[in-house]
Amino acid sequence: MTAKELLYVEDALGHEKYFQQKCTETAAQLTDSDLKTCVEQMASRHQQLFQSFYGLL
């Protein structure tokens, strides 16, 4: 993996972690159960993406 590719993966990790945290925080504040479920699923997907990018390292 080149240095530039490694920087891309590091950026992607940071973005996915941020998105997962924000989705989790937002879901905790929601009262609509359907919307909360949707945002929790988004948080889960961002966690999966984080793990995938992490696996590249």
C-alpha atoms as a PDB file:
ATOM      1  CA  MET A   1       0.000   0.000   0.000  1.00  0.00           C
ATOM      2  CA  THR A   2       1.404   3.374  -0.952  1.00  0.00           C
ATOM      3  CA  ALA A   3       1.679   6.262   1.490  1.00  0.00           C
ATOM      4  CA  LYS A   4      -1.108   8.081  -0.357  1.00  0.00           C
ATOM      5  CA  GLU A   5      -3.392   5.056  -0.142  1.00  0.00           C
ATOM      6  CA  LEU A   6      -2.646   4.721   3.559  1.00  0.00           C
ATOM      7  CA  LEU A   7      -3.602   8.363   4.098  1.00  0.00           C
ATOM      8  CA  TYR A   8      -6.872   7.716   2.278  1.00  0.00           C
ATOM      9  CA  VAL A   9      -7.652   4.745   4.509  1.00  0.00           C
ATOM     10  CA  GLU A  10      -6.826   6.794   7.622  1.00  0.00           C
ATOM     11  CA  ASP A  11      -9.177   9.554   6.449  1.00  0.00           C
ATOM     12  CA  ALA A  12     -11.898   7.031   5.690  1.00  0.00           C
ATOM     13  CA  LEU A  13     -11.508   5.501   9.162  1.00  0.00           C
ATOM     14  CA  GLY A  14     -11.891   8.911  10.776  1.00  0.00           C
ATOM     15  CA  HIS A  15     -14.957   9.745   8.716  1.00  0.00           C
ATOM     16  CA  GLU A  16     -16.692   6.457   9.392  1.00  0.00           C
ATOM     17  CA  LYS A  17     -15.994   6.676  13.113  1.00  0.00           C
ATOM     18  CA  TYR A  18     -17.375  10.241  13.180  1.00  0.00           C
ATOM     19  CA  PHE A  19     -20.530   9.264  11.240  1.00  0.00           C
ATOM     20  CA  GLN A  20     -21.107   6.266  13.504  1.00  0.00           C
ATOM     21  CA  GLN A  21     -20.778   8.417  16.633  1.00  0.00           C
ATOM     22  CA  LYS A  22     -23.130  11.094  15.293  1.00  0.00           C
ATOM     23  CA  CYS A  23     -25.739   8.518  14.277  1.00  0.00           C
ATOM     24  CA  THR A  24     -25.543   6.894  17.709  1.00  0.00           C
ATOM     25  CA  GLU A  25     -25.901  10.266  19.451  1.00  0.00           C
ATOM     26  CA  THR A  26     -28.813  11.248  17.230  1.00  0.00           C
ATOM     27  CA  ALA A  27     -30.609   7.921  17.685  1.00  0.00           C
ATOM     28  CA  ALA A  28     -30.412   8.342  21.458  1.00  0.00           C
ATOM     29  CA  GLN A  29     -32.322  11.628  21.165  1.00  0.00           C
ATOM     30  CA  LEU A  30     -35.078  10.433  18.840  1.00  0.00           C
ATOM     31  CA  THR A  31     -38.528   9.506  20.089  1.00  0.00           C
ATOM     32  CA  ASP A  32     -40.029   8.281  16.803  1.00  0.00           C
ATOM     33  CA  SER A  33     -39.325   4.538  16.842  1.00  0.00           C
ATOM     34  CA  ASP A  34     -39.193   4.121  13.051  1.00  0.00           C
ATOM     35  CA  LEU A  35     -36.784   7.003  12.614  1.00  0.00           C
ATOM     36  CA  LYS A  36     -34.708   5.821  15.580  1.00  0.00           C
ATOM     37  CA  THR A  37     -34.438   2.343  14.045  1.00  0.00           C
ATOM     38  CA  CYS A  38     -33.363   3.823  10.726  1.00  0.00           C
ATOM     39  CA  VAL A  39     -30.629   5.947  12.328  1.00  0.00           C
ATOM     40  CA  GLU A  40     -29.449   3.001  14.443  1.00  0.00           C
ATOM     41  CA  GLN A  41     -29.135   0.955  11.245  1.00  0.00           C
ATOM     42  CA  MET A  42     -27.084   3.757   9.715  1.00  0.00           C
ATOM     43  CA  ALA A  43     -24.811   3.746  12.777  1.00  0.00           C
ATOM     44  CA  SER A  44     -24.393  -0.013  12.418  1.00  0.00           C
ATOM     45  CA  ARG A  45     -23.538   0.322   8.734  1.00  0.00           C
ATOM     46  CA  HIS A  46     -20.906   2.968   9.467  1.00  0.00           C
ATOM     47  CA  GLN A  47     -19.419   0.648  12.105  1.00  0.00           C
ATOM     48  CA  GLN A  48     -19.253  -2.129   9.508  1.00  0.00           C
ATOM     49  CA  LEU A  49     -17.552   0.203   7.042  1.00  0.00           C
ATOM     50  CA  PHE A  50     -15.072   1.247   9.732  1.00  0.00           C
ATOM     51  CA  GLN A  51     -14.235  -2.420  10.357  1.00  0.00           C
ATOM     52  CA  SER A  52     -13.804  -3.025   6.630  1.00  0.00           C
ATOM     53  CA  PHE A  53     -11.402  -0.117   6.246  1.00  0.00           C
ATOM     54  CA  TYR A  54      -9.567  -1.156   9.417  1.00  0.00           C
ATOM     55  CA  GLY A  55      -9.191  -4.619   7.966  1.00  0.00           C
ATOM     56  CA  LEU A  56      -7.196  -3.139   5.098  1.00  0.00           C
ATOM     57  CA  LEU A  57      -4.470  -2.183   7.528  1.00  0.00           C
END
